[in-house]
Amino acid sequence: MSDLRLTAKSIGAIALGAAFLGGCANLMTRSTVAPEWFDAKAKEVAGEGYPSLSTVPQLEPDRADAVQAYDSEVARLKALAADIEARAAAIEVATPEEIRARAAQLRAIAEGRQIPDEGSESGEAP
């Protein structure tokens, strides 16, 4: 008897589920009211109004001018890089000991233990 009940319950659940799913599927076909933007969005999703990549004309650039422009830009950038490297090499970098000595000197000036030297007030190292 329990096997029969299980089968009857299963059949009932399947029938109820089919009725719900059928109602949902039928709802979209019966509905005639759609938001205003729906048609435009459907066309956009379908790809209407956009050019195909195969129909877009390809412009053939003049290769000689492009190569010449590229080469001149490469030369300009290399010269600029060389100038930047030359300027960077000319900068004197203080050693850690010089930085500590300057910090001690500025601390002493700030605490009033030392009178600033000529040029020290402008922030230059002695």
Protein backbone atom coordinates (compact mmCIF):
# COMPACT_ATOMS: atom_id res chain seq x y z
CA MET A 1 0.00 0.00 0.00
CA SER A 2 2.87 2.38 0.78
CA ASP A 3 4.33 1.76 -2.71
CA LEU A 4 1.04 2.82 -4.21
CA ARG A 5 0.95 6.03 -2.14
CA LEU A 6 4.48 6.93 -3.12
CA THR A 7 3.61 6.45 -6.73
CA ALA A 8 0.45 8.51 -6.41
CA LYS A 9 2.34 11.28 -4.64
CA SER A 10 5.05 11.23 -7.29
CA ILE A 11 2.50 11.43 -10.09
CA GLY A 12 0.69 14.26 -8.33
CA ALA A 13 3.95 16.22 -7.85
CA ILE A 14 4.91 15.73 -11.49
CA ALA A 15 1.48 16.86 -12.67
CA LEU A 16 1.57 19.92 -10.41
CA GLY A 17 5.06 20.85 -11.60
CA ALA A 18 4.06 20.48 -15.24
CA ALA A 19 1.04 22.72 -14.65
CA PHE A 20 3.23 25.42 -13.10
CA LEU A 21 5.87 25.21 -15.84
CA GLY A 22 3.23 25.23 -18.56
CA GLY A 23 1.68 28.33 -17.05
CA CYS A 24 5.02 30.15 -16.98
CA ALA A 25 5.85 29.27 -20.56
CA ASN A 26 2.38 30.29 -21.72
CA LEU A 27 2.60 33.59 -19.85
CA MET A 28 5.20 35.02 -22.24
CA THR A 29 3.19 34.13 -25.34
CA ARG A 30 -0.04 35.56 -23.93
CA SER A 31 1.52 38.82 -22.70
CA THR A 32 1.14 41.68 -25.16
CA VAL A 33 2.29 44.39 -22.78
CA ALA A 34 6.04 45.00 -22.92
CA PRO A 35 8.11 47.93 -21.66
CA GLU A 36 8.88 50.67 -24.17
CA TRP A 37 12.55 49.80 -24.32
CA PHE A 38 11.97 46.11 -25.05
CA ASP A 39 11.86 46.34 -28.86
CA ALA A 40 15.01 48.49 -29.02
CA LYS A 41 16.85 46.13 -26.70
CA ALA A 42 15.74 43.09 -28.73
CA LYS A 43 17.13 44.69 -31.92
CA GLU A 44 20.38 45.57 -30.12
CA VAL A 45 20.78 42.01 -28.85
CA ALA A 46 20.08 40.67 -32.33
CA GLY A 47 22.85 42.93 -33.69
CA GLU A 48 20.62 45.05 -35.91
CA GLY A 49 21.93 48.53 -36.68
CA TYR A 50 25.59 47.63 -36.24
CA PRO A 51 27.94 47.25 -39.20
CA SER A 52 29.44 43.88 -39.90
CA LEU A 53 33.20 43.72 -39.61
CA SER A 54 33.37 42.22 -43.10
CA THR A 55 31.63 45.28 -44.60
CA VAL A 56 33.78 47.94 -42.93
CA PRO A 57 36.24 49.24 -45.52
CA GLN A 58 39.91 48.83 -44.70
CA LEU A 59 42.04 51.87 -45.48
CA GLU A 60 45.44 51.07 -46.90
CA PRO A 61 47.91 53.56 -45.42
CA ASP A 62 50.92 54.75 -47.35
CA ARG A 63 53.57 52.40 -45.98
CA ALA A 64 56.56 54.66 -46.74
CA ASP A 65 55.12 57.57 -44.73
CA ALA A 66 54.20 55.29 -41.84
CA VAL A 67 57.67 53.75 -41.69
CA GLN A 68 59.34 57.16 -41.90
CA ALA A 69 57.10 58.56 -39.13
CA TYR A 70 57.78 55.52 -36.97
CA ASP A 71 61.55 55.76 -37.48
CA SER A 72 61.61 59.48 -36.68
CA GLU A 73 59.60 58.87 -33.51
CA VAL A 74 61.98 56.08 -32.47
CA ALA A 75 64.95 58.39 -33.00
CA ARG A 76 63.27 61.19 -31.01
CA LEU A 77 62.48 58.87 -28.11
CA LYS A 78 66.01 57.43 -28.06
CA ALA A 79 67.49 60.95 -27.94
CA LEU A 80 65.10 61.87 -25.14
CA ALA A 81 66.02 58.72 -23.20
CA ALA A 82 69.75 59.47 -23.62
CA ASP A 83 69.18 63.03 -22.34
CA ILE A 84 67.28 61.74 -19.30
CA GLU A 85 70.02 59.20 -18.54
CA ALA A 86 72.71 61.88 -18.87
CA ARG A 87 70.87 64.18 -16.47
CA ALA A 88 70.33 61.33 -14.01
CA ALA A 89 74.03 60.46 -14.10
CA ALA A 90 74.98 64.10 -13.38
CA ILE A 91 72.97 64.21 -10.16
CA GLU A 92 75.16 63.82 -7.09
CA VAL A 93 73.63 61.42 -4.63
CA ALA A 94 74.54 61.90 -0.99
CA THR A 95 75.88 58.93 0.91
CA PRO A 96 74.03 57.73 4.02
CA GLU A 97 76.78 59.22 6.20
CA GLU A 98 76.39 62.64 4.55
CA ILE A 99 72.62 62.50 5.04
CA ARG A 100 73.02 61.62 8.74
CA ALA A 101 75.57 64.42 9.24
CA ARG A 102 73.27 66.97 7.58
CA ALA A 103 70.33 65.78 9.70
CA ALA A 104 72.39 66.15 12.89
CA GLN A 105 73.45 69.64 11.80
CA LEU A 106 69.84 70.70 11.08
CA ARG A 107 68.71 69.23 14.41
CA ALA A 108 71.38 71.21 16.25
CA ILE A 109 70.34 74.40 14.46
CA ALA A 110 66.66 73.78 15.28
CA GLU A 111 67.47 73.15 18.96
CA GLY A 112 69.63 76.31 19.11
CA ARG A 113 72.88 74.47 19.86
CA GLN A 114 74.57 75.58 16.66
CA ILE A 115 74.57 78.79 14.68
CA PRO A 116 73.80 78.18 10.99
CA ASP A 117 76.69 78.55 8.57
CA GLU A 118 76.58 80.81 5.55
CA GLY A 119 74.18 79.20 3.00
CA SER A 120 72.72 76.70 5.51
CA GLU A 121 69.56 78.76 6.00
CA SER A 122 68.55 78.21 2.37
CA GLY A 123 68.67 74.47 2.87
CA GLU A 124 71.96 73.90 1.08
CA ALA A 125 74.46 71.46 2.50
CA PRO A 126 77.70 73.05 3.83
